[in-house]
Amino acid sequence: MKALMISNDRQLHAEIGAQGSARMPPVLLAATRAGLRDAVERIMSDAPELVIFDASDVEPGEADMVERLARLYPQARFILLAREPQQDLLIRAMRAGMREVLPLPLVHRAFHEAIDRIEIETGVTRMRDGKALAFISCKGGSGATFLSTNFGYALAALADKKVLLIDLHGQFGDATLYVSDQKPSMTLSDICAQIGRMDGAFLESSLVHVSPGFGVLAAADDPGQTVAMKPEHMDTILRVARQHYDYIVLDVGRQIDALSLRALDCADAIYPVLQLALPDIRDGRRLLDIFRSLGYPSERTRLIVNRYEKGGKLRLADLEQALGADVLHTVPNDYLCATDSVNQGVPVLQLSRSSPVARSLAELVALVTERRVMENKGLFNRLFGRSEAEQ
């Protein structure tokens, strides 16, 4: 969003510029003016989409220029900043259609909330009602982190969704390493320590951006910091995330603590991940018993069998009978492809588009989004078509 800044306060210029550039998409200060009269006399040839107007130094005789300013840029949205309320100025501003009035010194959260409202009004962004999907391991090494990270990437790439993955591993969380070589600048514990700043822009700026539509919030890199993370923090994070993302993928790990339990409570669907082996089935039964004791409805819990191979002694029907739950999806055993993906930190869909695992992820996207990805060639072939044409 291109903005005009009107103020003679250089520190405020720098503050607004830094806050605006941190947003996604950014608010860029395309031009600045020293004051109201300067803005009225020096009209921008390329009209701004947003005008940020510091009214602190407006003289009483200049109040009528507010309406002139609004007429100069009729398509722009306005944010009025003021250190002290000036009744005449505020009345004229309201008459001119300026609805966002913020006090100075600037409160960053209030500024970003105002920008959020403006972006929604203008169609730059839309308020979402995101779904939270939790992946949890029935047994260590089941591949839940591999599936959750690659599924998040597939959701964004194949279904044009805006996706956030939150790594909830209390210790040694490494979800970012599965899909990126970037070092996280912020972690979940950092977010919780500054929970008062939580809004869409702050959350977005804290992520490792794997692709334009997919970001990862890294787990705490210091196990000692997890003590400061409280269940109510997860409520706040998910409330904001639901407004700004189509899907929130929760990589819960295996340990259930207060934070992960609150995330599971809030999840729209829970996907226990296991392999078709007796130890996994035993641990899976224990996990599902915990879910039943917590009152989770059975339809919220759908099993995913990873590294599945047909023809084994254990069948899917045996698994479903033992656990009393349905298998939603199976992911084929493609060890070399999965290992290459993990070792390189590159999503499977990007590394090996025609692999069985990549196709299985596309099928899972279709199941979760209820879109017929496999039959929609324009959607499915976005990643797979080229490789097939080359064969």
Protein backbone atom coordinates (compact mmCIF):
# COMPACT_ATOMS: atom_id res chain seq x y z
CA MET A 1 0.00 0.00 0.00
CA LYS A 2 1.45 3.36 -1.07
CA ALA A 3 1.22 6.06 1.60
CA LEU A 4 1.72 9.81 2.00
CA MET A 5 3.08 10.88 5.40
CA ILE A 6 2.32 14.41 6.65
CA SER A 7 4.40 15.42 9.65
CA ASN A 8 7.44 17.50 10.56
CA ASP A 9 8.45 14.94 13.21
CA ARG A 10 11.38 12.99 11.74
CA GLN A 11 11.29 10.43 14.53
CA LEU A 12 7.63 9.73 13.80
CA HIS A 13 8.47 9.40 10.10
CA ALA A 14 11.06 6.76 10.93
CA GLU A 15 8.70 4.96 13.32
CA ILE A 16 5.82 4.81 10.82
CA GLY A 17 8.21 3.75 8.07
CA ALA A 18 9.61 0.88 10.14
CA GLN A 19 6.16 -0.35 11.21
CA GLY A 20 4.79 -0.10 7.67
CA SER A 21 7.69 -1.93 6.03
CA ALA A 22 7.32 -4.81 8.52
CA ARG A 23 3.83 -5.60 7.27
CA MET A 24 2.89 -8.12 4.61
CA PRO A 25 2.07 -6.56 2.20
CA PRO A 26 4.14 -3.54 3.27
CA VAL A 27 2.92 0.02 3.74
CA LEU A 28 5.45 2.10 1.81
CA LEU A 29 5.94 5.83 2.45
CA ALA A 30 5.97 7.02 -1.16
CA ALA A 31 6.16 10.72 -0.21
CA THR A 32 6.38 12.97 2.82
CA ARG A 33 5.18 16.50 3.53
CA ALA A 34 6.26 18.75 6.40
CA GLY A 35 2.75 19.91 7.25
CA LEU A 36 -0.86 20.32 6.17
CA ARG A 37 -0.27 23.43 4.07
CA ASP A 38 2.71 21.80 2.35
CA ALA A 39 0.55 18.74 1.54
CA VAL A 40 -2.23 20.86 0.05
CA GLU A 41 0.13 22.98 -2.03
CA ARG A 42 2.35 20.12 -3.26
CA ILE A 43 -0.03 17.55 -4.70
CA MET A 44 1.28 14.09 -5.50
CA SER A 45 1.03 13.28 -9.21
CA ASP A 46 0.48 9.62 -8.39
CA ALA A 47 -2.28 9.63 -5.77
CA PRO A 48 -1.58 7.69 -2.56
CA GLU A 49 -3.79 4.88 -1.29
CA LEU A 50 -3.24 5.94 2.31
CA VAL A 51 -2.62 9.33 3.94
CA ILE A 52 -1.12 9.38 7.44
CA PHE A 53 -1.65 12.86 8.84
CA ASP A 54 0.01 14.13 12.03
CA ALA A 55 -2.32 16.89 13.25
CA SER A 56 -0.23 17.83 16.29
CA ASP A 57 1.05 21.11 14.82
CA VAL A 58 -2.01 22.24 12.87
CA GLU A 59 -2.78 25.89 13.52
CA PRO A 60 -6.39 26.84 14.34
CA GLY A 61 -6.75 28.70 11.04
CA GLU A 62 -5.63 25.68 9.02
CA ALA A 63 -8.45 23.34 10.05
CA ASP A 64 -10.41 24.01 6.85
CA MET A 65 -7.48 22.55 4.86
CA VAL A 66 -8.34 19.11 6.19
CA GLU A 67 -11.40 18.95 3.94
CA ARG A 68 -9.36 20.30 1.02
CA LEU A 69 -6.82 17.53 1.59
CA ALA A 70 -9.56 14.90 1.50
CA ARG A 71 -10.88 16.29 -1.79
CA LEU A 72 -7.40 16.14 -3.32
CA TYR A 73 -7.22 12.37 -2.73
CA PRO A 74 -10.82 11.12 -2.81
CA GLN A 75 -9.86 7.44 -3.19
CA ALA A 76 -7.37 7.42 -0.31
CA ARG A 77 -7.95 6.24 3.25
CA PHE A 78 -6.82 8.53 6.06
CA ILE A 79 -5.27 7.96 9.48
CA LEU A 80 -5.27 11.05 11.70
CA LEU A 81 -2.63 11.25 14.46
CA ALA A 82 -2.98 13.73 17.32
CA ARG A 83 -1.31 14.34 20.67
CA GLU A 84 -4.27 16.27 22.07
CA PRO A 85 -7.86 16.17 20.83
CA GLN A 86 -8.82 19.26 18.84
CA GLN A 87 -12.58 19.39 18.60
CA ASP A 88 -12.87 21.59 15.52
CA LEU A 89 -10.24 19.59 13.67
CA LEU A 90 -11.85 16.26 14.55
CA ILE A 91 -15.29 17.49 13.41
CA ARG A 92 -13.87 18.60 10.07
CA ALA A 93 -11.98 15.34 9.71
CA MET A 94 -15.15 13.30 10.30
CA ARG A 95 -17.05 15.42 7.78
CA ALA A 96 -14.27 14.71 5.28
CA GLY A 97 -14.68 10.96 5.84
CA MET A 98 -11.62 10.34 8.03
CA ARG A 99 -12.58 7.55 10.42
CA GLU A 100 -9.24 6.38 11.85
CA VAL A 101 -7.97 8.65 14.65
CA LEU A 102 -4.99 7.48 16.74
CA PRO A 103 -3.32 9.18 19.71
CA LEU A 104 0.35 10.03 19.94
CA PRO A 105 2.80 8.73 21.07
CA LEU A 106 2.01 6.00 18.58
CA VAL A 107 0.75 2.68 19.93
CA HIS A 108 2.03 0.12 17.43
CA ARG A 109 -0.76 -2.38 17.99
CA ALA A 110 -3.42 0.30 17.44
CA PHE A 111 -1.64 1.42 14.26
CA HIS A 112 -1.56 -2.09 12.82
CA GLU A 113 -5.19 -2.72 13.77
CA ALA A 114 -6.15 0.47 11.89
CA ILE A 115 -4.16 -0.67 8.84
CA ASP A 116 -5.84 -4.09 9.07
CA ARG A 117 -9.28 -2.46 8.96
CA ILE A 118 -8.29 -0.28 6.02
CA GLU A 119 -6.87 -3.24 4.07
CA ILE A 120 -10.05 -5.23 4.64
CA GLU A 121 -12.23 -2.29 3.56
CA THR A 122 -10.21 -1.73 0.40
CA GLY A 123 -9.95 -5.41 -0.47
CA VAL A 124 -6.18 -5.60 -0.07
CA THR A 125 -6.74 -8.39 2.44
CA ARG A 126 -9.79 -10.12 3.78
CA MET A 127 -10.68 -11.23 7.27
CA ARG A 128 -10.44 -14.99 7.32
CA ASP A 129 -11.98 -17.64 9.51
CA GLY A 130 -9.11 -20.10 9.51
CA LYS A 131 -9.26 -23.74 10.50
CA ALA A 132 -6.76 -25.24 12.94
CA LEU A 133 -5.47 -28.71 12.06
CA ALA A 134 -3.34 -30.56 14.62
CA PHE A 135 -0.82 -33.27 13.66
CA ILE A 136 0.34 -35.38 16.59
CA SER A 137 2.65 -38.40 16.76
CA CYS A 138 1.32 -41.60 18.24
CA LYS A 139 4.90 -42.78 18.64
CA GLY A 140 8.28 -41.15 18.28
CA GLY A 141 9.58 -41.28 14.72
CA SER A 142 6.18 -41.68 13.11
CA GLY A 143 6.84 -38.76 10.75
CA ALA A 144 4.28 -36.24 12.04
CA THR A 145 6.62 -33.25 11.62
CA PHE A 146 7.56 -34.30 8.09
CA LEU A 147 3.88 -34.62 7.17
CA SER A 148 2.69 -31.44 8.89
CA THR A 149 5.38 -29.24 7.32
CA ASN A 150 5.02 -30.70 3.84
CA PHE A 151 1.24 -30.69 4.08
CA GLY A 152 1.31 -27.00 5.04
CA TYR A 153 3.42 -26.24 1.98
CA ALA A 154 1.09 -28.32 -0.21
CA LEU A 155 -1.99 -26.48 1.08
CA ALA A 156 -0.47 -23.16 0.09
CA ALA A 157 0.92 -24.35 -3.25
CA LEU A 158 -1.93 -26.53 -4.53
CA ALA A 159 -5.02 -24.95 -3.01
CA ASP A 160 -3.97 -21.27 -3.03
CA LYS A 161 -4.40 -21.03 0.73
CA LYS A 162 -2.62 -18.80 3.22
CA VAL A 163 -1.13 -21.23 5.73
CA LEU A 164 0.62 -20.88 9.07
CA LEU A 165 2.43 -23.76 10.78
CA ILE A 166 3.12 -23.50 14.52
CA ASP A 167 5.83 -25.76 15.92
CA LEU A 168 4.62 -26.74 19.40
CA HIS A 169 7.43 -29.09 20.31
CA GLY A 170 8.36 -28.14 23.85
CA GLN A 171 11.97 -29.14 23.31
CA PHE A 172 14.14 -29.50 20.22
CA GLY A 173 11.48 -28.33 17.77
CA ASP A 174 12.92 -28.37 14.26
CA ALA A 175 9.94 -28.00 11.91
CA THR A 176 11.60 -25.13 10.01
CA LEU A 177 14.53 -27.38 9.05
CA TYR A 178 12.20 -29.69 7.12
CA VAL A 179 11.22 -27.01 4.61
CA SER A 180 13.74 -24.17 4.85
CA ASP A 181 17.37 -23.28 5.54
CA GLN A 182 16.44 -19.91 7.06
CA LYS A 183 17.26 -19.19 10.70
CA PRO A 184 14.15 -18.04 12.62
CA SER A 185 14.38 -14.46 13.89
CA MET A 186 11.55 -15.10 16.37
CA THR A 187 10.20 -18.21 18.07
CA LEU A 188 7.00 -19.20 19.82
CA SER A 189 8.51 -18.32 23.19
CA ASP A 190 9.47 -14.85 21.88
CA ILE A 191 5.88 -14.32 20.76
CA CYS A 192 4.54 -15.38 24.16
CA ALA A 193 6.96 -13.03 25.92
CA GLN A 194 5.50 -10.13 23.90
CA ILE A 195 1.90 -11.33 23.74
CA GLY A 196 0.62 -7.79 24.29
CA ARG A 197 1.91 -6.88 20.81
CA MET A 198 0.04 -9.72 19.14
CA ASP A 199 -1.69 -8.76 15.93
CA GLY A 200 -1.60 -9.93 12.33
CA ALA A 201 1.44 -7.88 11.36
CA PHE A 202 3.48 -8.91 14.40
CA LEU A 203 2.66 -12.56 13.81
CA GLU A 204 3.52 -12.36 10.11
CA SER A 205 6.85 -10.63 10.83
CA SER A 206 7.81 -13.41 13.26
CA LEU A 207 7.61 -16.26 10.73
CA VAL A 208 10.06 -18.11 8.55
CA HIS A 209 8.51 -17.54 5.11
CA VAL A 210 8.90 -20.74 3.13
CA SER A 211 6.76 -19.47 0.24
CA PRO A 212 4.49 -16.45 -0.26
CA GLY A 213 1.54 -18.36 1.17
CA PHE A 214 3.27 -20.49 3.80
CA GLY A 215 5.04 -19.41 6.97
CA VAL A 216 6.38 -21.30 10.00
CA LEU A 217 6.43 -20.08 13.60
CA ALA A 218 9.45 -21.86 15.07
CA ALA A 219 9.45 -23.67 18.40
CA ALA A 220 11.29 -22.30 21.42
CA ASP A 221 15.02 -22.79 20.87
CA ASP A 222 15.72 -22.85 24.62
CA PRO A 223 13.82 -25.46 26.66
CA GLY A 224 14.02 -23.14 29.68
CA GLN A 225 11.87 -20.55 27.89
CA THR A 226 8.90 -22.90 27.59
CA VAL A 227 8.03 -22.25 31.25
CA ALA A 228 6.90 -18.72 30.37
CA MET A 229 4.50 -19.95 27.67
CA LYS A 230 0.97 -20.17 29.06
CA PRO A 231 -2.20 -21.77 27.65
CA GLU A 232 -3.93 -18.38 27.40
CA HIS A 233 -1.10 -17.28 25.09
CA MET A 234 -2.15 -20.00 22.66
CA ASP A 235 -5.74 -18.67 22.79
CA THR A 236 -4.51 -15.23 21.72
CA ILE A 237 -2.20 -16.54 19.00
CA LEU A 238 -4.87 -18.76 17.47
CA ARG A 239 -7.51 -16.02 17.65
CA VAL A 240 -5.30 -13.68 15.62
CA ALA A 241 -4.09 -16.47 13.32
CA ARG A 242 -7.64 -17.52 12.43
CA GLN A 243 -8.33 -13.96 11.26
CA HIS A 244 -5.34 -13.83 8.94
CA TYR A 245 -4.78 -17.40 7.68
CA ASP A 246 -6.97 -19.94 5.92
CA TYR A 247 -5.35 -22.84 7.76
CA ILE A 248 -3.25 -23.09 10.92
CA VAL A 249 -1.30 -26.36 11.01
CA LEU A 250 -0.21 -27.34 14.52
CA ASP A 251 2.81 -29.65 14.81
CA VAL A 252 2.07 -30.89 18.31
CA GLY A 253 4.82 -33.47 18.67
CA ARG A 254 4.30 -36.32 21.09
CA GLN A 255 4.39 -34.74 24.53
CA ILE A 256 1.07 -33.32 25.73
CA ASP A 257 1.60 -30.35 28.04
CA ALA A 258 -0.60 -27.40 29.03
CA LEU A 259 0.21 -25.43 25.88
CA SER A 260 -0.24 -28.27 23.40
CA LEU A 261 -3.39 -29.40 25.21
CA ARG A 262 -4.93 -25.96 24.76
CA ALA A 263 -3.99 -26.09 21.07
CA LEU A 264 -5.68 -29.51 20.75
CA ASP A 265 -8.76 -28.14 22.52
CA CYS A 266 -8.98 -25.40 19.89
CA ALA A 267 -8.24 -27.60 16.86
CA ASP A 268 -10.98 -28.18 14.31
CA ALA A 269 -9.45 -31.54 13.40
CA ILE A 270 -6.77 -33.76 14.95
CA TYR A 271 -4.66 -36.12 12.84
CA PRO A 272 -2.77 -38.73 14.88
CA VAL A 273 0.10 -40.01 12.73
CA LEU A 274 1.31 -43.59 13.10
CA GLN A 275 2.83 -46.48 11.19
CA LEU A 276 1.27 -49.89 10.66
CA ALA A 277 3.22 -51.60 13.45
CA LEU A 278 2.27 -53.00 16.84
CA PRO A 279 4.19 -50.42 18.95
CA ASP A 280 2.45 -47.59 17.06
CA ILE A 281 -0.94 -49.23 17.48
CA ARG A 282 -0.36 -49.65 21.21
CA ASP A 283 0.65 -46.00 21.67
CA GLY A 284 -2.11 -44.89 19.33
CA ARG A 285 -4.69 -46.60 21.50
CA ARG A 286 -3.36 -44.79 24.57
CA LEU A 287 -3.47 -41.46 22.78
CA LEU A 288 -7.04 -41.95 21.55
CA ASP A 289 -8.09 -43.00 25.07
CA ILE A 290 -6.72 -39.67 26.31
CA PHE A 291 -8.70 -37.83 23.64
CA ARG A 292 -11.88 -39.68 24.60
CA SER A 293 -11.34 -38.88 28.28
CA LEU A 294 -11.02 -35.21 27.30
CA GLY A 295 -14.38 -35.38 25.55
CA TYR A 296 -13.09 -34.88 22.01
CA PRO A 297 -15.75 -36.11 19.55
CA SER A 298 -14.64 -39.07 17.47
CA GLU A 299 -15.32 -37.28 14.18
CA ARG A 300 -12.61 -34.70 15.03
CA THR A 301 -9.93 -37.40 15.19
CA ARG A 302 -8.87 -39.01 11.89
CA LEU A 303 -5.86 -41.30 11.59
CA ILE A 304 -3.06 -40.91 9.05
CA VAL A 305 -0.89 -43.95 8.40
CA ASN A 306 2.59 -42.99 7.31
CA ARG A 307 5.10 -45.17 5.39
CA TYR A 308 2.30 -47.48 4.36
CA GLU A 309 3.02 -50.59 2.29
CA LYS A 310 0.32 -52.89 0.97
CA GLY A 311 0.52 -56.60 1.54
CA GLY A 312 1.84 -56.61 5.10
CA LYS A 313 0.63 -58.89 7.84
CA LEU A 314 -1.20 -56.00 9.51
CA ARG A 315 -4.04 -54.52 7.51
CA LEU A 316 -5.74 -51.13 7.75
CA ALA A 317 -8.90 -52.90 8.88
CA ASP A 318 -6.98 -54.44 11.77
CA LEU A 319 -5.73 -51.00 12.77
CA GLU A 320 -9.18 -49.43 12.64
CA GLN A 321 -10.67 -52.26 14.67
CA ALA A 322 -7.94 -52.07 17.31
CA LEU A 323 -8.20 -48.31 17.73
CA GLY A 324 -11.90 -47.81 17.09
CA ALA A 325 -11.15 -44.99 14.66
CA ASP A 326 -11.15 -44.52 10.89
CA VAL A 327 -8.05 -44.07 8.75
CA LEU A 328 -8.42 -40.87 6.76
CA HIS A 329 -5.36 -41.28 4.58
CA THR A 330 -2.26 -43.35 3.94
CA VAL A 331 1.13 -41.99 2.88
CA PRO A 332 3.27 -44.47 0.91
CA ASN A 333 6.70 -45.57 2.07
CA ASP A 334 9.13 -43.59 -0.11
CA TYR A 335 12.18 -43.49 2.14
CA LEU A 336 14.71 -42.08 -0.32
CA CYS A 337 12.48 -39.20 -1.43
CA ALA A 338 11.51 -38.28 2.13
CA THR A 339 15.12 -38.48 3.34
CA ASP A 340 16.37 -36.28 0.49
CA SER A 341 13.68 -33.73 1.33
CA VAL A 342 14.56 -33.64 5.02
CA ASN A 343 18.32 -33.54 4.45
CA GLN A 344 18.05 -30.65 2.00
CA GLY A 345 15.35 -28.76 3.89
CA VAL A 346 13.24 -28.58 0.73
CA PRO A 347 9.52 -29.53 0.57
CA VAL A 348 8.80 -32.77 -1.28
CA LEU A 349 6.51 -31.01 -3.74
CA GLN A 350 9.37 -28.73 -4.70
CA LEU A 351 12.07 -31.40 -4.75
CA SER A 352 10.29 -34.35 -6.36
CA ARG A 353 6.95 -33.33 -7.79
CA SER A 354 6.01 -36.65 -9.33
CA SER A 355 6.99 -38.83 -6.37
CA PRO A 356 4.41 -41.04 -4.63
CA VAL A 357 4.72 -38.95 -1.46
CA ALA A 358 4.05 -35.72 -3.37
CA ARG A 359 0.95 -37.20 -4.97
CA SER A 360 -0.23 -38.50 -1.61
CA LEU A 361 0.11 -35.01 -0.13
CA ALA A 362 -1.96 -33.63 -3.01
CA GLU A 363 -4.66 -36.20 -2.24
CA LEU A 364 -4.61 -35.19 1.43
CA VAL A 365 -5.04 -31.54 0.44
CA ALA A 366 -8.07 -32.57 -1.60
CA LEU A 367 -9.53 -34.47 1.35
CA VAL A 368 -9.03 -31.66 3.85
CA THR A 369 -10.16 -28.80 1.61
CA GLU A 370 -12.91 -30.88 -0.02
CA ARG A 371 -11.61 -29.77 -3.40
CA ARG A 372 -11.09 -32.26 -6.20
CA VAL A 373 -7.42 -31.48 -6.69
CA MET A 374 -6.69 -34.65 -8.62
CA GLU A 375 -9.36 -33.92 -11.22
CA ASN A 376 -8.68 -30.21 -11.46
CA LYS A 377 -5.77 -30.25 -13.89
CA GLY A 378 -5.23 -26.50 -13.70
CA LEU A 379 -4.71 -26.83 -9.96
CA PHE A 380 -3.01 -30.21 -9.67
CA ASN A 381 -0.70 -29.77 -12.65
CA ARG A 382 0.60 -26.51 -11.26
CA LEU A 383 3.37 -28.55 -9.70
CA PHE A 384 3.08 -31.92 -11.40
CA GLY A 385 2.23 -31.11 -15.01
CA ARG A 386 5.67 -30.03 -16.09
CA SER A 387 7.43 -33.12 -14.80
CA GLU A 388 4.86 -35.37 -16.45
CA ALA A 389 5.26 -33.57 -19.76
CA GLU A 390 8.98 -34.15 -19.60
CA GLN A 391 8.59 -37.93 -19.22
